[in-house]
C-alpha atoms as a PDB file:
ATOM      1  CA  MET A   1      28.044 -47.207  -9.266  1.00  0.00           C
ATOM      2  CA  VAL A   2      23.696 -46.414  -7.724  1.00  0.00           C
ATOM      3  CA  LYS A   3      21.774 -48.748  -7.364  1.00  0.00           C
ATOM      4  CA  PRO A   4      18.900 -47.591  -8.007  1.00  0.00           C
ATOM      5  CA  ILE A   5      17.315 -47.862  -5.054  1.00  0.00           C
ATOM      6  CA  TYR A   6      19.226 -44.883  -3.361  1.00  0.00           C
ATOM      7  CA  LEU A   7      18.677 -42.947  -6.335  1.00  0.00           C
ATOM      8  CA  ALA A   8      14.495 -43.605  -5.130  1.00  0.00           C
ATOM      9  CA  LEU A   9      14.929 -42.750  -1.577  1.00  0.00           C
ATOM     10  CA  GLY A  10      17.158 -39.740  -1.860  1.00  0.00           C
ATOM     11  CA  ALA A  11      13.914 -38.305  -4.319  1.00  0.00           C
ATOM     12  CA  ILE A  12      11.269 -38.850  -1.843  1.00  0.00           C
ATOM     13  CA  PRO A  13      12.606 -35.935  -0.039  1.00  0.00           C
ATOM     14  CA  VAL A  14      13.455 -33.770  -2.540  1.00  0.00           C
ATOM     15  CA  ILE A  15       9.569 -33.580  -4.622  1.00  0.00           C
ATOM     16  CA  VAL A  16       8.087 -33.725  -0.393  1.00  0.00           C
ATOM     17  CA  ALA A  17      10.441 -30.303  -1.073  1.00  0.00           C
ATOM     18  CA  ILE A  18       8.904 -29.474  -4.305  1.00  0.00           C
ATOM     19  CA  LEU A  19       5.102 -30.471  -3.223  1.00  0.00           C
ATOM     20  CA  ILE A  20       5.160 -27.751  -0.185  1.00  0.00           C
ATOM     21  CA  SER A  21       6.769 -24.796  -2.156  1.00  0.00           C
ATOM     22  CA  VAL A  22       5.392 -24.453  -5.233  1.00  0.00           C
ATOM     23  CA  PRO A  23       2.054 -23.235  -3.859  1.00  0.00           C
ATOM     24  CA  LEU A  24       3.306 -21.183  -1.245  1.00  0.00           C
ATOM     25  CA  LEU A  25       6.245 -19.302  -4.292  1.00  0.00           C
ATOM     26  CA  THR A  26       3.100 -18.782  -6.314  1.00  0.00           C
ATOM     27  CA  LYS A  27       0.688 -17.936  -3.885  1.00  0.00           C
ATOM     28  CA  ASN A  28       0.451 -13.242  -4.760  1.00  0.00           C
ATOM     29  CA  GLU A  29      -2.049 -12.592  -1.517  1.00  0.00           C
ATOM     30  CA  ILE A  30      -0.525 -12.386   2.454  1.00  0.00           C
ATOM     31  CA  PRO A  31      -2.968 -14.558   4.368  1.00  0.00           C
ATOM     32  CA  THR A  32      -5.651 -13.316   6.156  1.00  0.00           C
ATOM     33  CA  SER A  33      -4.860 -15.327   9.760  1.00  0.00           C
ATOM     34  CA  ALA A  34      -2.110 -12.701  10.019  1.00  0.00           C
ATOM     35  CA  ALA A  35      -4.802 -10.184  11.220  1.00  0.00           C
ATOM     36  CA  ASN A  36      -5.403 -11.023  14.541  1.00  0.00           C
ATOM     37  CA  SER A  37      -9.649  -9.824  16.129  1.00  0.00           C
ATOM     38  CA  ALA A  38      -7.915  -7.974  18.725  1.00  0.00           C
ATOM     39  CA  ASP A  39      -6.563  -5.430  15.891  1.00  0.00           C
ATOM     40  CA  LYS A  40      -7.190  -1.911  16.025  1.00  0.00           C
ATOM     41  CA  ILE A  41      -6.292  -0.286  12.994  1.00  0.00           C
ATOM     42  CA  GLU A  42      -7.319   3.242  11.121  1.00  0.00           C
ATOM     43  CA  ILE A  43      -5.562   4.136   7.781  1.00  0.00           C
ATOM     44  CA  GLU A  44      -5.612   7.345   5.940  1.00  0.00           C
ATOM     45  CA  TYR A  45      -4.635   8.025   2.774  1.00  0.00           C
ATOM     46  CA  THR A  46      -3.998  10.942   1.168  1.00  0.00           C
ATOM     47  CA  LYS A  47      -2.824  11.473  -2.370  1.00  0.00           C
ATOM     48  CA  HIS A  48      -2.014  14.763  -3.999  1.00  0.00           C
ATOM     49  CA  GLN A  49      -2.010  15.489  -8.276  1.00  0.00           C
ATOM     50  CA  LEU A  50       0.687  18.533  -8.170  1.00  0.00           C
ATOM     51  CA  LYS A  51       1.012  20.727 -10.829  1.00  0.00           C
ATOM     52  CA  LYS A  52       4.790  22.919 -10.218  1.00  0.00           C
ATOM     53  CA  ILE A  53       3.828  26.817 -11.444  1.00  0.00           C
ATOM     54  CA  SER A  54       6.495  28.957 -12.260  1.00  0.00           C
ATOM     55  CA  TYR A  55       5.849  32.368 -11.172  1.00  0.00           C
ATOM     56  CA  GLY A  56       8.833  33.743 -13.718  1.00  0.00           C
ATOM     57  CA  ILE A  57      12.134  33.725 -10.164  1.00  0.00           C
ATOM     58  CA  THR A  58      10.108  32.017  -7.850  1.00  0.00           C
ATOM     59  CA  GLU A  59       8.357  28.561  -8.836  1.00  0.00           C
ATOM     60  CA  ARG A  60       5.819  26.669  -6.363  1.00  0.00           C
ATOM     61  CA  VAL A  61       4.598  23.758  -6.459  1.00  0.00           C
ATOM     62  CA  GLY A  62       0.639  23.597  -6.209  1.00  0.00           C
ATOM     63  CA  ALA A  63      -1.992  20.463  -5.416  1.00  0.00           C
ATOM     64  CA  GLN A  64      -4.517  20.194  -9.043  1.00  0.00           C
ATOM     65  CA  LYS A  65      -6.416  17.111  -7.098  1.00  0.00           C
ATOM     66  CA  THR A  66      -6.440  15.322  -3.561  1.00  0.00           C
ATOM     67  CA  GLU A  67      -8.326  12.436  -1.968  1.00  0.00           C
ATOM     68  CA  ILE A  68      -8.334  11.255   1.306  1.00  0.00           C
ATOM     69  CA  LEU A  69      -9.373   7.948   1.895  1.00  0.00           C
ATOM     70  CA  TYR A  70     -10.603   7.728   6.078  1.00  0.00           C
ATOM     71  CA  ILE A  71      -9.939   3.850   6.706  1.00  0.00           C
ATOM     72  CA  LYS A  72     -11.644   3.053  10.639  1.00  0.00           C
ATOM     73  CA  ASN A  73     -11.251  -0.475  12.823  1.00  0.00           C
ATOM     74  CA  ASP A  74     -15.023  -1.091  11.732  1.00  0.00           C
ATOM     75  CA  GLY A  75     -14.970  -0.830   8.707  1.00  0.00           C
ATOM     76  CA  ASP A  76     -16.314   2.842   8.048  1.00  0.00           C
ATOM     77  CA  ILE A  77     -14.781   4.410   4.513  1.00  0.00           C
ATOM     78  CA  LYS A  78     -15.195   8.678   4.707  1.00  0.00           C
ATOM     79  CA  TYR A  79     -14.211   9.592   0.867  1.00  0.00           C
ATOM     80  CA  SER A  80     -13.301  12.898   0.148  1.00  0.00           C
ATOM     81  CA  VAL A  81     -11.963  15.363  -2.867  1.00  0.00           C
ATOM     82  CA  THR A  82     -11.173  18.723  -3.489  1.00  0.00           C
ATOM     83  CA  GLU A  83     -10.012  19.392  -6.806  1.00  0.00           C
ATOM     84  CA  GLN A  84      -9.559  22.498  -8.440  1.00  0.00           C
ATOM     85  CA  GLY A  85      -9.592  23.811  -4.942  1.00  0.00           C
ATOM     86  CA  TYR A  86     -13.543  23.356  -4.329  1.00  0.00           C
ATOM     87  CA  LEU A  87     -14.403  20.096  -1.949  1.00  0.00           C
ATOM     88  CA  GLN A  88     -17.120  17.778  -3.471  1.00  0.00           C
ATOM     89  CA  PRO A  89     -19.631  15.516  -1.109  1.00  0.00           C
ATOM     90  CA  ASP A  90     -17.730  13.328   1.243  1.00  0.00           C
ATOM     91  CA  ILE A  91     -18.645   9.508  -0.293  1.00  0.00           C
ATOM     92  CA  ARG A  92     -19.286   7.118   2.933  1.00  0.00           C
ATOM     93  CA  SER A  93     -19.078   3.865   3.225  1.00  0.00           C
ATOM     94  CA  LYS A  94     -18.225   0.448   5.096  1.00  0.00           C
ATOM     95  CA  LEU A  95     -15.305  -2.304   3.831  1.00  0.00           C
ATOM     96  CA  ASP A  96     -16.247  -5.495   4.390  1.00  0.00           C
ATOM     97  CA  LYS A  97     -15.256  -7.713   7.063  1.00  0.00           C
ATOM     98  CA  GLU A  98     -13.254  -9.642   4.557  1.00  0.00           C
ATOM     99  CA  LYS A  99     -10.756  -7.113   2.555  1.00  0.00           C
ATOM    100  CA  LEU A 100     -10.394  -5.213   6.153  1.00  0.00           C
ATOM    101  CA  GLU A 101      -8.661  -8.714   7.434  1.00  0.00           C
ATOM    102  CA  LYS A 102      -6.676  -9.097   4.110  1.00  0.00           C
ATOM    103  CA  LEU A 103      -5.449  -5.061   4.955  1.00  0.00           C
ATOM    104  CA  LYS A 104      -4.391  -5.510   8.591  1.00  0.00           C
ATOM    105  CA  ALA A 105      -2.912  -9.049   7.362  1.00  0.00           C
ATOM    106  CA  LEU A 106      -0.869  -6.907   4.652  1.00  0.00           C
ATOM    107  CA  ILE A 107      -0.383  -4.053   6.680  1.00  0.00           C
ATOM    108  CA  LYS A 108       0.802  -6.950  10.166  1.00  0.00           C
ATOM    109  CA  GLU A 109       2.549  -8.995   7.342  1.00  0.00           C
ATOM    110  CA  THR A 110       4.660  -7.036   5.629  1.00  0.00           C
ATOM    111  CA  GLY A 111       6.250  -5.273   9.102  1.00  0.00           C
ATOM    112  CA  PHE A 112       4.845  -2.035   6.657  1.00  0.00           C
ATOM    113  CA  ILE A 113       4.282   0.093  10.295  1.00  0.00           C
ATOM    114  CA  ALA A 114       8.180  -0.511  10.835  1.00  0.00           C
ATOM    115  CA  ILE A 115       9.830   0.695   7.651  1.00  0.00           C
ATOM    116  CA  PRO A 116      11.001   3.789   8.463  1.00  0.00           C
ATOM    117  CA  SER A 117       9.235   7.773   7.273  1.00  0.00           C
ATOM    118  CA  GLU A 118      11.746   8.552   5.411  1.00  0.00           C
ATOM    119  CA  SER A 119      11.599  10.734   2.480  1.00  0.00           C
ATOM    120  CA  PHE A 120      11.922  10.626  -0.780  1.00  0.00           C
ATOM    121  CA  SER A 121      13.665  13.488  -3.458  1.00  0.00           C
ATOM    122  CA  ILE A 122      12.249  15.345  -6.411  1.00  0.00           C
ATOM    123  CA  LEU A 123      12.883  15.439  -9.723  1.00  0.00           C
ATOM    124  CA  GLU A 124      14.283  18.437 -10.432  1.00  0.00           C
ATOM    125  CA  ASN A 125      12.828  17.808 -14.050  1.00  0.00           C
ATOM    126  CA  ALA A 126       9.311  16.977 -12.666  1.00  0.00           C
ATOM    127  CA  THR A 127       6.065  19.162 -13.352  1.00  0.00           C
ATOM    128  CA  GLU A 128       2.973  17.799 -12.842  1.00  0.00           C
ATOM    129  CA  TYR A 129       3.183  14.089 -10.051  1.00  0.00           C
ATOM    130  CA  GLN A 130       1.757  12.080  -7.786  1.00  0.00           C
ATOM    131  CA  LYS A 131       3.054  12.318  -3.834  1.00  0.00           C
ATOM    132  CA  SER A 132       1.082  10.360  -1.925  1.00  0.00           C
ATOM    133  CA  ASN A 133       0.887   9.827   1.879  1.00  0.00           C
ATOM    134  CA  VAL A 134      -0.028   6.970   4.417  1.00  0.00           C
ATOM    135  CA  LYS A 135      -0.636   7.343   8.464  1.00  0.00           C
ATOM    136  CA  ILE A 136      -1.404   3.714   9.882  1.00  0.00           C
ATOM    137  CA  THR A 137      -1.903   3.792  13.205  1.00  0.00           C
ATOM    138  CA  LEU A 138      -1.759  -0.151  13.851  1.00  0.00           C
ATOM    139  CA  ASN A 139      -2.330  -1.337  17.803  1.00  0.00           C
ATOM    140  CA  GLY A 140      -1.207   2.016  18.828  1.00  0.00           C
ATOM    141  CA  ARG A 141       1.844   2.110  16.894  1.00  0.00           C
ATOM    142  CA  VAL A 142       1.416   4.763  14.293  1.00  0.00           C
ATOM    143  CA  ASN A 143       3.216   5.133  11.009  1.00  0.00           C
ATOM    144  CA  GLN A 144       3.582   7.722   8.495  1.00  0.00           C
ATOM    145  CA  ILE A 145       5.578   7.612   5.336  1.00  0.00           C
ATOM    146  CA  HIS A 146       5.495   9.920   2.039  1.00  0.00           C
ATOM    147  CA  TRP A 147       6.001   9.512  -1.488  1.00  0.00           C
ATOM    148  CA  PRO A 148       6.010  10.778  -4.966  1.00  0.00           C
ATOM    149  CA  GLU A 149       5.650   8.172  -7.392  1.00  0.00           C
ATOM    150  CA  GLN A 150       8.695   6.130  -9.268  1.00  0.00           C
ATOM    151  CA  ASN A 151       8.852   8.863 -12.445  1.00  0.00           C
ATOM    152  CA  ALA A 152       8.897  11.829 -10.333  1.00  0.00           C
ATOM    153  CA  THR A 153      12.434  10.162  -7.855  1.00  0.00           C
ATOM    154  CA  SER A 154      14.921   8.469  -8.687  1.00  0.00           C
ATOM    155  CA  ASP A 155      15.473   6.884  -5.055  1.00  0.00           C
ATOM    156  CA  PHE A 156      14.427   3.166  -5.486  1.00  0.00           C
ATOM    157  CA  ILE A 157      10.191   3.380  -3.182  1.00  0.00           C
ATOM    158  CA  PRO A 158      10.530  -0.104  -1.557  1.00  0.00           C
ATOM    159  CA  PRO A 159       8.036  -2.935  -2.903  1.00  0.00           C
ATOM    160  CA  ILE A 160       4.968  -3.315   0.110  1.00  0.00           C
ATOM    161  CA  ILE A 161       4.459   0.150   0.074  1.00  0.00           C
ATOM    162  CA  ILE A 162       3.149  -0.024  -4.478  1.00  0.00           C
ATOM    163  CA  MET A 163       1.733  -2.969  -2.259  1.00  0.00           C
ATOM    164  CA  VAL A 164      -0.613  -0.409   0.382  1.00  0.00           C
ATOM    165  CA  GLN A 165      -0.484   2.010  -2.566  1.00  0.00           C
ATOM    166  CA  SER A 166      -2.009  -0.465  -5.321  1.00  0.00           C
ATOM    167  CA  GLU A 167      -5.202  -2.191  -2.456  1.00  0.00           C
ATOM    168  CA  LEU A 168      -5.140   1.736  -1.186  1.00  0.00           C
ATOM    169  CA  ASP A 169      -6.402   2.873  -4.699  1.00  0.00           C
ATOM    170  CA  GLN A 170      -8.885  -0.247  -5.204  1.00  0.00           C
ATOM    171  CA  ILE A 171     -10.527   0.946  -2.355  1.00  0.00           C
ATOM    172  CA  ILE A 172     -10.780   4.376  -3.402  1.00  0.00           C
ATOM    173  CA  SER A 173     -12.271   2.693  -7.490  1.00  0.00           C
ATOM    174  CA  GLU A 174     -14.676   0.071  -5.399  1.00  0.00           C
ATOM    175  CA  ILE A 175     -16.623   2.724  -4.066  1.00  0.00           C
ATOM    176  CA  SER A 176     -16.237   5.562  -6.094  1.00  0.00           C
ATOM    177  CA  GLU A 177     -18.345   4.205  -8.826  1.00  0.00           C
END
């Protein structure tokens, strides 16, 4: 028979491990401690609302709407929209330091800059879809990734790309209101 004292002593490390791991597993944000104040980052994020237009034998894909978000290292933001071929006036804003540090940490901590810039194939039957592009320069290293929305491709789009996209889309929605 196992003595109760041995069970109690064996349970202590298990309880401590659970107490340490539960907050780490349930936390859904990247810690901003990964961002260094000396890090230099520039982000250029582009979204195209594309539509396939058929001219009988030939087909062409044209942009119905194009949005460009440019974030400089000091938090300056420039947002441009071209809709139906007409350029709208630029919106300029400033990203607060906390949000900029969070974005830097997300890109740095997750290894986003090391993702290979592969291309994703577009489904033949996709007629209207969104295609996005992000170009990130982090401390002199540049990575540019192009991807369509998930329902326009049969390829797997890594979740980190979707995370960065949702953060940038949130910034767009905040400044364009």
